[in-house]
Amino acid sequence: MSDAPAKPDLVLIHGWGLGSAAWDPALAPLEQRFRVRRLALPGYDRADSGVNERSSQFLDGKASFIETATALTDSLPAGACLCGWSLGSMLALQMAALAPQRVARLILVGSTPSFMQRADWQPAQPPALLDSFRDAVTADAGATLQRFVAVLNQGDSQARANGRTLSRQLLASRLPDAATLLTGLGWLRDVDLREQIASVATPTLLIHGENDPLMPLAAARWLHAKLPDSQLKVIAGAAHAPFLNDTEGFAKLIGDHCHASAPA
């Protein structure tokens, strides 16, 4: 019997439109240091994780943001490292606020406290962008997701390769239905987590693409300034999916963050 210590749990939450398969290119380097579990959001394909089945089997694609965050939080293994990307990072931030005792380390990838611009919040997207995606999803969800793949990779030094990877995943996956996609767009329109930031004391790593076209880098810098215990790593040449631009570097950042000793 091996005396090697058990690997810590790393729980991954995907973003809007793309299921847990989006993480596939980063799995191999992450699994060298973690027991990786992927959570599929309600209405998306289930990942092969027992955590996922317990957490969201009773939710459909019309569940609210807080219902989904609560269900996912209830299923987290104690002391997990929690990593969310894009909309998944907003859920991860909410989960850390709901149950800080369950999250040992937090990783927010391509994150923001509010996706939509507001009177007092400008590093975000205008309502017109969400309106255009809502209309496009209603007309043709599959074509909209292909468009989304192109949008999220704009400005990435590996844009063509990343686009091919994500497009292949879309073709190989059961796509979320229009109702699920519209629910997610509603979350992106309505959710504003700025008031909760100060209560999140979990050590947090922000990983952000230098050229992110969806979540402006200024939003990550704001999070870094407001989160009590955080560090920000900007991936040069990356857009909204830095884990595709530099999978090895991405995995190293997470490994170093989650294996760091707690401060004395």
C-alpha atoms as a PDB file:
ATOM      1  CA  MET A   1       0.000   0.000   0.000  1.00  0.00           C
ATOM      2  CA  SER A   2       1.341   3.412  -0.933  1.00  0.00           C
ATOM      3  CA  ASP A   3       2.189   5.894   1.821  1.00  0.00           C
ATOM      4  CA  ALA A   4       1.838   8.846  -0.554  1.00  0.00           C
ATOM      5  CA  PRO A   5      -0.571  11.485   0.746  1.00  0.00           C
ATOM      6  CA  ALA A   6      -3.935  11.741  -0.988  1.00  0.00           C
ATOM      7  CA  LYS A   7      -4.169  14.454  -3.594  1.00  0.00           C
ATOM      8  CA  PRO A   8      -6.348  17.404  -2.607  1.00  0.00           C
ATOM      9  CA  ASP A   9      -9.685  17.911  -4.320  1.00  0.00           C
ATOM     10  CA  LEU A  10      -9.881  20.485  -7.107  1.00  0.00           C
ATOM     11  CA  VAL A  11     -13.435  21.262  -8.208  1.00  0.00           C
ATOM     12  CA  LEU A  12     -13.902  22.942 -11.609  1.00  0.00           C
ATOM     13  CA  ILE A  13     -17.008  24.891 -12.678  1.00  0.00           C
ATOM     14  CA  HIS A  14     -17.422  25.784 -16.348  1.00  0.00           C
ATOM     15  CA  GLY A  15     -18.965  28.924 -17.808  1.00  0.00           C
ATOM     16  CA  TRP A  16     -21.929  29.860 -19.992  1.00  0.00           C
ATOM     17  CA  GLY A  17     -22.603  27.917 -23.155  1.00  0.00           C
ATOM     18  CA  LEU A  18     -19.721  25.445 -22.848  1.00  0.00           C
ATOM     19  CA  GLY A  19     -19.995  22.403 -20.598  1.00  0.00           C
ATOM     20  CA  SER A  20     -17.400  20.817 -18.369  1.00  0.00           C
ATOM     21  CA  ALA A  21     -15.574  19.438 -21.427  1.00  0.00           C
ATOM     22  CA  ALA A  22     -14.131  22.942 -21.867  1.00  0.00           C
ATOM     23  CA  TRP A  23     -11.627  21.983 -19.169  1.00  0.00           C
ATOM     24  CA  ASP A  24     -10.381  18.908 -21.077  1.00  0.00           C
ATOM     25  CA  PRO A  25      -7.100  20.411 -22.378  1.00  0.00           C
ATOM     26  CA  ALA A  26      -6.022  21.355 -18.836  1.00  0.00           C
ATOM     27  CA  LEU A  27      -6.987  18.089 -17.121  1.00  0.00           C
ATOM     28  CA  ALA A  28      -3.739  16.152 -17.593  1.00  0.00           C
ATOM     29  CA  PRO A  29      -1.437  18.692 -15.909  1.00  0.00           C
ATOM     30  CA  LEU A  30      -3.995  19.395 -13.173  1.00  0.00           C
ATOM     31  CA  GLU A  31      -4.444  15.703 -12.391  1.00  0.00           C
ATOM     32  CA  GLN A  32      -0.737  15.399 -11.639  1.00  0.00           C
ATOM     33  CA  ARG A  33      -1.332  17.339  -8.413  1.00  0.00           C
ATOM     34  CA  PHE A  34      -5.071  17.068  -7.735  1.00  0.00           C
ATOM     35  CA  ARG A  35      -8.044  14.764  -7.621  1.00  0.00           C
ATOM     36  CA  VAL A  36     -10.057  16.746 -10.169  1.00  0.00           C
ATOM     37  CA  ARG A  37     -13.852  16.879 -10.109  1.00  0.00           C
ATOM     38  CA  ARG A  38     -15.815  18.772 -12.737  1.00  0.00           C
ATOM     39  CA  LEU A  39     -19.260  20.187 -12.049  1.00  0.00           C
ATOM     40  CA  ALA A  40     -21.735  20.524 -14.912  1.00  0.00           C
ATOM     41  CA  LEU A  41     -24.263  23.290 -14.357  1.00  0.00           C
ATOM     42  CA  PRO A  42     -27.980  22.445 -14.490  1.00  0.00           C
ATOM     43  CA  GLY A  43     -29.084  21.844 -18.062  1.00  0.00           C
ATOM     44  CA  TYR A  44     -25.582  20.901 -19.264  1.00  0.00           C
ATOM     45  CA  ASP A  45     -24.066  17.464 -19.743  1.00  0.00           C
ATOM     46  CA  ARG A  46     -23.170  15.760 -16.514  1.00  0.00           C
ATOM     47  CA  ALA A  47     -19.470  15.294 -15.784  1.00  0.00           C
ATOM     48  CA  ASP A  48     -18.291  11.941 -14.451  1.00  0.00           C
ATOM     49  CA  SER A  49     -18.217  13.262 -10.903  1.00  0.00           C
ATOM     50  CA  GLY A  50     -20.190  11.943  -7.959  1.00  0.00           C
ATOM     51  CA  VAL A  51     -20.147  15.455  -6.547  1.00  0.00           C
ATOM     52  CA  ASN A  52     -21.915  16.721  -9.636  1.00  0.00           C
ATOM     53  CA  GLU A  53     -24.628  14.088  -9.526  1.00  0.00           C
ATOM     54  CA  ARG A  54     -25.430  14.867  -5.891  1.00  0.00           C
ATOM     55  CA  SER A  55     -25.335  18.598  -6.392  1.00  0.00           C
ATOM     56  CA  SER A  56     -27.494  19.399  -9.357  1.00  0.00           C
ATOM     57  CA  GLN A  57     -29.526  16.337 -10.281  1.00  0.00           C
ATOM     58  CA  PHE A  58     -32.680  17.962  -8.919  1.00  0.00           C
ATOM     59  CA  LEU A  59     -32.128  21.283 -10.701  1.00  0.00           C
ATOM     60  CA  ASP A  60     -33.071  22.056 -14.271  1.00  0.00           C
ATOM     61  CA  GLY A  61     -31.840  24.735 -16.633  1.00  0.00           C
ATOM     62  CA  LYS A  62     -34.301  27.247 -15.168  1.00  0.00           C
ATOM     63  CA  ALA A  63     -32.894  27.172 -11.618  1.00  0.00           C
ATOM     64  CA  SER A  64     -31.945  30.524 -10.109  1.00  0.00           C
ATOM     65  CA  PHE A  65     -28.379  31.638  -9.555  1.00  0.00           C
ATOM     66  CA  ILE A  66     -28.625  31.337  -5.764  1.00  0.00           C
ATOM     67  CA  GLU A  67     -30.389  27.949  -5.972  1.00  0.00           C
ATOM     68  CA  THR A  68     -27.604  26.645  -8.173  1.00  0.00           C
ATOM     69  CA  ALA A  69     -24.838  28.094  -5.987  1.00  0.00           C
ATOM     70  CA  THR A  70     -26.460  26.600  -2.872  1.00  0.00           C
ATOM     71  CA  ALA A  71     -26.846  23.155  -4.444  1.00  0.00           C
ATOM     72  CA  LEU A  72     -23.256  23.111  -5.656  1.00  0.00           C
ATOM     73  CA  THR A  73     -22.003  24.352  -2.275  1.00  0.00           C
ATOM     74  CA  ASP A  74     -23.835  21.577  -0.418  1.00  0.00           C
ATOM     75  CA  SER A  75     -21.991  18.979  -2.497  1.00  0.00           C
ATOM     76  CA  LEU A  76     -18.446  20.309  -2.139  1.00  0.00           C
ATOM     77  CA  PRO A  77     -15.974  18.032  -0.378  1.00  0.00           C
ATOM     78  CA  ALA A  78     -14.627  19.686   2.754  1.00  0.00           C
ATOM     79  CA  GLY A  79     -11.438  21.624   2.203  1.00  0.00           C
ATOM     80  CA  ALA A  80     -11.692  21.640  -1.587  1.00  0.00           C
ATOM     81  CA  CYS A  81      -9.898  24.000  -3.904  1.00  0.00           C
ATOM     82  CA  LEU A  82     -12.651  25.602  -5.959  1.00  0.00           C
ATOM     83  CA  CYS A  83     -12.018  26.950  -9.456  1.00  0.00           C
ATOM     84  CA  GLY A  84     -14.609  28.686 -11.609  1.00  0.00           C
ATOM     85  CA  TRP A  85     -14.340  30.128 -15.095  1.00  0.00           C
ATOM     86  CA  SER A  86     -16.372  33.058 -16.414  1.00  0.00           C
ATOM     87  CA  LEU A  87     -19.985  32.610 -15.217  1.00  0.00           C
ATOM     88  CA  GLY A  88     -18.664  29.646 -13.207  1.00  0.00           C
ATOM     89  CA  SER A  89     -16.287  32.007 -11.407  1.00  0.00           C
ATOM     90  CA  MET A  90     -19.250  34.129 -10.306  1.00  0.00           C
ATOM     91  CA  LEU A  91     -20.887  30.987  -8.915  1.00  0.00           C
ATOM     92  CA  ALA A  92     -17.623  30.024  -7.192  1.00  0.00           C
ATOM     93  CA  LEU A  93     -17.412  33.456  -5.593  1.00  0.00           C
ATOM     94  CA  GLN A  94     -21.001  33.117  -4.351  1.00  0.00           C
ATOM     95  CA  MET A  95     -20.230  29.627  -3.022  1.00  0.00           C
ATOM     96  CA  ALA A  96     -17.215  30.876  -1.074  1.00  0.00           C
ATOM     97  CA  ALA A  97     -19.431  33.550   0.478  1.00  0.00           C
ATOM     98  CA  LEU A  98     -22.101  30.983   1.388  1.00  0.00           C
ATOM     99  CA  ALA A  99     -19.809  28.394   2.979  1.00  0.00           C
ATOM    100  CA  PRO A 100     -16.231  29.595   3.527  1.00  0.00           C
ATOM    101  CA  GLN A 101     -15.524  26.574   5.725  1.00  0.00           C
ATOM    102  CA  ARG A 102     -15.882  24.250   2.729  1.00  0.00           C
ATOM    103  CA  VAL A 103     -13.458  26.092   0.425  1.00  0.00           C
ATOM    104  CA  ALA A 104      -9.756  25.967   1.284  1.00  0.00           C
ATOM    105  CA  ARG A 105      -8.611  27.949  -1.758  1.00  0.00           C
ATOM    106  CA  LEU A 106     -10.486  29.830  -4.443  1.00  0.00           C
ATOM    107  CA  ILE A 107      -9.443  30.316  -8.077  1.00  0.00           C
ATOM    108  CA  LEU A 108     -11.357  32.751 -10.294  1.00  0.00           C
ATOM    109  CA  VAL A 109     -10.595  32.533 -14.020  1.00  0.00           C
ATOM    110  CA  GLY A 110     -11.764  35.290 -16.360  1.00  0.00           C
ATOM    111  CA  SER A 111     -13.896  36.684 -13.559  1.00  0.00           C
ATOM    112  CA  THR A 112     -15.951  39.741 -12.702  1.00  0.00           C
ATOM    113  CA  PRO A 113     -18.381  40.688  -9.919  1.00  0.00           C
ATOM    114  CA  SER A 114     -20.851  42.017 -12.508  1.00  0.00           C
ATOM    115  CA  PHE A 115     -20.879  41.080 -16.180  1.00  0.00           C
ATOM    116  CA  MET A 116     -23.188  43.931 -17.167  1.00  0.00           C
ATOM    117  CA  GLN A 117     -22.427  47.619 -16.996  1.00  0.00           C
ATOM    118  CA  ARG A 118     -24.272  49.599 -14.347  1.00  0.00           C
ATOM    119  CA  ALA A 119     -24.433  53.279 -13.456  1.00  0.00           C
ATOM    120  CA  ASP A 120     -21.598  52.808 -10.958  1.00  0.00           C
ATOM    121  CA  TRP A 121     -19.825  49.908 -12.723  1.00  0.00           C
ATOM    122  CA  GLN A 122     -18.208  50.400 -16.128  1.00  0.00           C
ATOM    123  CA  PRO A 123     -15.570  47.628 -16.612  1.00  0.00           C
ATOM    124  CA  ALA A 124     -18.239  45.339 -18.063  1.00  0.00           C
ATOM    125  CA  GLN A 125     -20.442  44.701 -21.093  1.00  0.00           C
ATOM    126  CA  PRO A 126     -23.305  46.926 -22.298  1.00  0.00           C
ATOM    127  CA  PRO A 127     -26.862  45.573 -22.085  1.00  0.00           C
ATOM    128  CA  ALA A 128     -26.987  45.510 -25.887  1.00  0.00           C
ATOM    129  CA  LEU A 129     -24.530  42.596 -26.002  1.00  0.00           C
ATOM    130  CA  LEU A 130     -26.752  40.443 -23.808  1.00  0.00           C
ATOM    131  CA  ASP A 131     -29.778  41.481 -25.831  1.00  0.00           C
ATOM    132  CA  SER A 132     -28.087  40.381 -29.036  1.00  0.00           C
ATOM    133  CA  PHE A 133     -27.126  37.001 -27.570  1.00  0.00           C
ATOM    134  CA  ARG A 134     -30.640  36.494 -26.179  1.00  0.00           C
ATOM    135  CA  ASP A 135     -32.160  37.120 -29.614  1.00  0.00           C
ATOM    136  CA  ALA A 136     -29.583  34.888 -31.287  1.00  0.00           C
ATOM    137  CA  VAL A 137     -30.136  32.010 -28.817  1.00  0.00           C
ATOM    138  CA  THR A 138     -33.875  32.188 -29.466  1.00  0.00           C
ATOM    139  CA  ALA A 139     -33.297  32.020 -33.223  1.00  0.00           C
ATOM    140  CA  ASP A 140     -30.526  29.372 -33.349  1.00  0.00           C
ATOM    141  CA  ALA A 141     -28.785  28.210 -30.180  1.00  0.00           C
ATOM    142  CA  GLY A 142     -26.163  26.081 -31.953  1.00  0.00           C
ATOM    143  CA  ALA A 143     -25.029  28.861 -34.271  1.00  0.00           C
ATOM    144  CA  THR A 144     -24.941  31.257 -31.319  1.00  0.00           C
ATOM    145  CA  LEU A 145     -22.563  29.013 -29.396  1.00  0.00           C
ATOM    146  CA  GLN A 146     -20.238  28.814 -32.384  1.00  0.00           C
ATOM    147  CA  ARG A 147     -20.289  32.614 -32.525  1.00  0.00           C
ATOM    148  CA  PHE A 148     -19.577  32.723 -28.803  1.00  0.00           C
ATOM    149  CA  VAL A 149     -16.480  30.550 -29.265  1.00  0.00           C
ATOM    150  CA  ALA A 150     -15.156  33.090 -31.763  1.00  0.00           C
ATOM    151  CA  VAL A 151     -15.963  36.039 -29.490  1.00  0.00           C
ATOM    152  CA  LEU A 152     -14.311  34.661 -26.369  1.00  0.00           C
ATOM    153  CA  ASN A 153     -11.070  33.971 -28.262  1.00  0.00           C
ATOM    154  CA  GLN A 154     -10.757  37.423 -29.825  1.00  0.00           C
ATOM    155  CA  GLY A 155      -7.309  38.829 -29.085  1.00  0.00           C
ATOM    156  CA  ASP A 156      -5.801  35.497 -28.036  1.00  0.00           C
ATOM    157  CA  SER A 157      -2.405  34.598 -29.468  1.00  0.00           C
ATOM    158  CA  GLN A 158      -3.728  31.021 -29.852  1.00  0.00           C
ATOM    159  CA  ALA A 159      -7.165  32.073 -31.118  1.00  0.00           C
ATOM    160  CA  ARG A 160      -7.367  29.671 -34.082  1.00  0.00           C
ATOM    161  CA  ALA A 161      -6.208  26.628 -32.130  1.00  0.00           C
ATOM    162  CA  ASN A 162      -8.457  27.475 -29.194  1.00  0.00           C
ATOM    163  CA  GLY A 163     -11.413  27.982 -31.513  1.00  0.00           C
ATOM    164  CA  ARG A 164     -10.873  24.614 -33.176  1.00  0.00           C
ATOM    165  CA  THR A 165     -10.671  22.904 -29.790  1.00  0.00           C
ATOM    166  CA  LEU A 166     -13.877  24.424 -28.460  1.00  0.00           C
ATOM    167  CA  SER A 167     -15.743  23.957 -31.738  1.00  0.00           C
ATOM    168  CA  ARG A 168     -14.887  20.234 -31.734  1.00  0.00           C
ATOM    169  CA  GLN A 169     -16.197  19.994 -28.182  1.00  0.00           C
ATOM    170  CA  LEU A 170     -19.453  21.655 -29.181  1.00  0.00           C
ATOM    171  CA  LEU A 171     -19.923  19.222 -32.053  1.00  0.00           C
ATOM    172  CA  ALA A 172     -19.228  16.248 -29.777  1.00  0.00           C
ATOM    173  CA  SER A 173     -21.467  17.361 -26.908  1.00  0.00           C
ATOM    174  CA  ARG A 174     -25.159  17.503 -26.201  1.00  0.00           C
ATOM    175  CA  LEU A 175     -25.781  21.219 -26.350  1.00  0.00           C
ATOM    176  CA  PRO A 176     -27.717  22.954 -23.577  1.00  0.00           C
ATOM    177  CA  ASP A 177     -31.207  23.891 -24.711  1.00  0.00           C
ATOM    178  CA  ALA A 178     -32.337  27.447 -25.333  1.00  0.00           C
ATOM    179  CA  ALA A 179     -34.065  27.711 -21.949  1.00  0.00           C
ATOM    180  CA  THR A 180     -30.828  26.832 -20.153  1.00  0.00           C
ATOM    181  CA  LEU A 181     -28.831  29.336 -22.193  1.00  0.00           C
ATOM    182  CA  LEU A 182     -31.399  32.074 -21.611  1.00  0.00           C
ATOM    183  CA  THR A 183     -31.333  31.399 -17.863  1.00  0.00           C
ATOM    184  CA  GLY A 184     -27.567  31.877 -17.864  1.00  0.00           C
ATOM    185  CA  LEU A 185     -27.870  35.112 -19.799  1.00  0.00           C
ATOM    186  CA  GLY A 186     -30.377  36.265 -17.195  1.00  0.00           C
ATOM    187  CA  TRP A 187     -27.829  35.568 -14.454  1.00  0.00           C
ATOM    188  CA  LEU A 188     -25.213  37.551 -16.342  1.00  0.00           C
ATOM    189  CA  ARG A 189     -27.675  40.427 -16.638  1.00  0.00           C
ATOM    190  CA  ASP A 190     -28.872  40.464 -13.021  1.00  0.00           C
ATOM    191  CA  VAL A 191     -26.089  39.189 -10.736  1.00  0.00           C
ATOM    192  CA  ASP A 192     -23.959  41.792  -8.988  1.00  0.00           C
ATOM    193  CA  LEU A 193     -21.629  40.401  -6.317  1.00  0.00           C
ATOM    194  CA  ARG A 194     -19.772  43.566  -5.379  1.00  0.00           C
ATOM    195  CA  GLU A 195     -21.367  43.885  -1.942  1.00  0.00           C
ATOM    196  CA  GLN A 196     -20.309  40.343  -1.016  1.00  0.00           C
ATOM    197  CA  ILE A 197     -16.636  40.704  -1.842  1.00  0.00           C
ATOM    198  CA  ALA A 198     -15.438  41.941   1.538  1.00  0.00           C
ATOM    199  CA  SER A 199     -16.890  38.861   3.261  1.00  0.00           C
ATOM    200  CA  VAL A 200     -14.843  36.405   1.159  1.00  0.00           C
ATOM    201  CA  ALA A 201     -11.706  35.801   3.204  1.00  0.00           C
ATOM    202  CA  THR A 202     -10.694  32.601   1.378  1.00  0.00           C
ATOM    203  CA  PRO A 203      -7.206  32.856  -0.163  1.00  0.00           C
ATOM    204  CA  THR A 204      -7.986  33.648  -3.788  1.00  0.00           C
ATOM    205  CA  LEU A 205      -6.038  33.422  -7.035  1.00  0.00           C
ATOM    206  CA  LEU A 206      -7.321  35.486  -9.954  1.00  0.00           C
ATOM    207  CA  ILE A 207      -6.152  34.240 -13.368  1.00  0.00           C
ATOM    208  CA  HIS A 208      -7.038  36.583 -16.208  1.00  0.00           C
ATOM    209  CA  GLY A 209      -6.195  36.883 -19.875  1.00  0.00           C
ATOM    210  CA  GLU A 210      -4.351  40.041 -20.852  1.00  0.00           C
ATOM    211  CA  ASN A 211      -6.730  40.551 -23.792  1.00  0.00           C
ATOM    212  CA  ASP A 212      -9.999  39.235 -22.341  1.00  0.00           C
ATOM    213  CA  PRO A 213     -12.790  40.648 -24.567  1.00  0.00           C
ATOM    214  CA  LEU A 214     -15.677  39.638 -22.273  1.00  0.00           C
ATOM    215  CA  MET A 215     -14.508  40.285 -18.718  1.00  0.00           C
ATOM    216  CA  PRO A 216     -12.252  43.371 -18.871  1.00  0.00           C
ATOM    217  CA  LEU A 217      -8.952  43.078 -17.043  1.00  0.00           C
ATOM    218  CA  ALA A 218     -10.024  46.128 -15.029  1.00  0.00           C
ATOM    219  CA  ALA A 219     -12.730  43.969 -13.419  1.00  0.00           C
ATOM    220  CA  ALA A 220     -10.115  41.459 -12.228  1.00  0.00           C
ATOM    221  CA  ARG A 221      -7.971  44.268 -10.899  1.00  0.00           C
ATOM    222  CA  TRP A 222     -10.982  45.583  -8.981  1.00  0.00           C
ATOM    223  CA  LEU A 223     -11.548  42.126  -7.478  1.00  0.00           C
ATOM    224  CA  HIS A 224      -7.884  41.885  -6.537  1.00  0.00           C
ATOM    225  CA  ALA A 225      -8.058  45.249  -4.749  1.00  0.00           C
ATOM    226  CA  LYS A 226     -11.269  44.364  -2.892  1.00  0.00           C
ATOM    227  CA  LEU A 227     -10.772  40.705  -1.940  1.00  0.00           C
ATOM    228  CA  PRO A 228      -9.039  40.616   1.454  1.00  0.00           C
ATOM    229  CA  ASP A 229      -6.591  37.815   0.536  1.00  0.00           C
ATOM    230  CA  SER A 230      -5.924  37.639  -3.188  1.00  0.00           C
ATOM    231  CA  GLN A 231      -3.309  37.627  -5.891  1.00  0.00           C
ATOM    232  CA  LEU A 232      -3.729  38.387  -9.585  1.00  0.00           C
ATOM    233  CA  LYS A 233      -1.883  36.601 -12.381  1.00  0.00           C
ATOM    234  CA  VAL A 234      -2.298  38.012 -15.877  1.00  0.00           C
ATOM    235  CA  ILE A 235      -1.594  35.606 -18.746  1.00  0.00           C
ATOM    236  CA  ALA A 236       0.141  37.509 -21.561  1.00  0.00           C
ATOM    237  CA  GLY A 237      -1.417  36.997 -24.977  1.00  0.00           C
ATOM    238  CA  ALA A 238      -4.482  35.221 -23.605  1.00  0.00           C
ATOM    239  CA  ALA A 239      -8.117  36.190 -24.071  1.00  0.00           C
ATOM    240  CA  HIS A 240     -11.067  34.795 -22.101  1.00  0.00           C
ATOM    241  CA  ALA A 241      -9.799  31.202 -21.809  1.00  0.00           C
ATOM    242  CA  PRO A 242      -6.250  31.421 -20.396  1.00  0.00           C
ATOM    243  CA  PHE A 243      -6.308  27.704 -19.559  1.00  0.00           C
ATOM    244  CA  LEU A 244      -6.343  27.024 -23.313  1.00  0.00           C
ATOM    245  CA  ASN A 245      -3.625  29.532 -24.142  1.00  0.00           C
ATOM    246  CA  ASP A 246      -1.101  28.066 -21.672  1.00  0.00           C
ATOM    247  CA  THR A 247      -2.333  24.836 -20.083  1.00  0.00           C
ATOM    248  CA  GLU A 248       0.928  23.994 -18.301  1.00  0.00           C
ATOM    249  CA  GLY A 249       1.377  27.487 -16.918  1.00  0.00           C
ATOM    250  CA  PHE A 250      -2.278  27.574 -15.861  1.00  0.00           C
ATOM    251  CA  ALA A 251      -1.972  24.271 -14.005  1.00  0.00           C
ATOM    252  CA  LYS A 252       1.240  25.404 -12.290  1.00  0.00           C
ATOM    253  CA  LEU A 253      -0.398  28.588 -11.031  1.00  0.00           C
ATOM    254  CA  ILE A 254      -3.260  26.614  -9.517  1.00  0.00           C
ATOM    255  CA  GLY A 255      -0.952  23.974  -8.085  1.00  0.00           C
ATOM    256  CA  ASP A 256       1.307  26.532  -6.444  1.00  0.00           C
ATOM    257  CA  HIS A 257      -1.683  28.430  -5.037  1.00  0.00           C
ATOM    258  CA  CYS A 258      -3.479  25.402  -3.631  1.00  0.00           C
ATOM    259  CA  HIS A 259      -0.361  23.736  -2.225  1.00  0.00           C
ATOM    260  CA  ALA A 260       0.960  26.884  -0.578  1.00  0.00           C
ATOM    261  CA  SER A 261       1.265  26.724   3.182  1.00  0.00           C
ATOM    262  CA  ALA A 262      -1.266  28.684   5.182  1.00  0.00           C
ATOM    263  CA  PRO A 263       0.204  31.829   6.725  1.00  0.00           C
ATOM    264  CA  ALA A 264       1.391  31.396  10.293  1.00  0.00           C
END
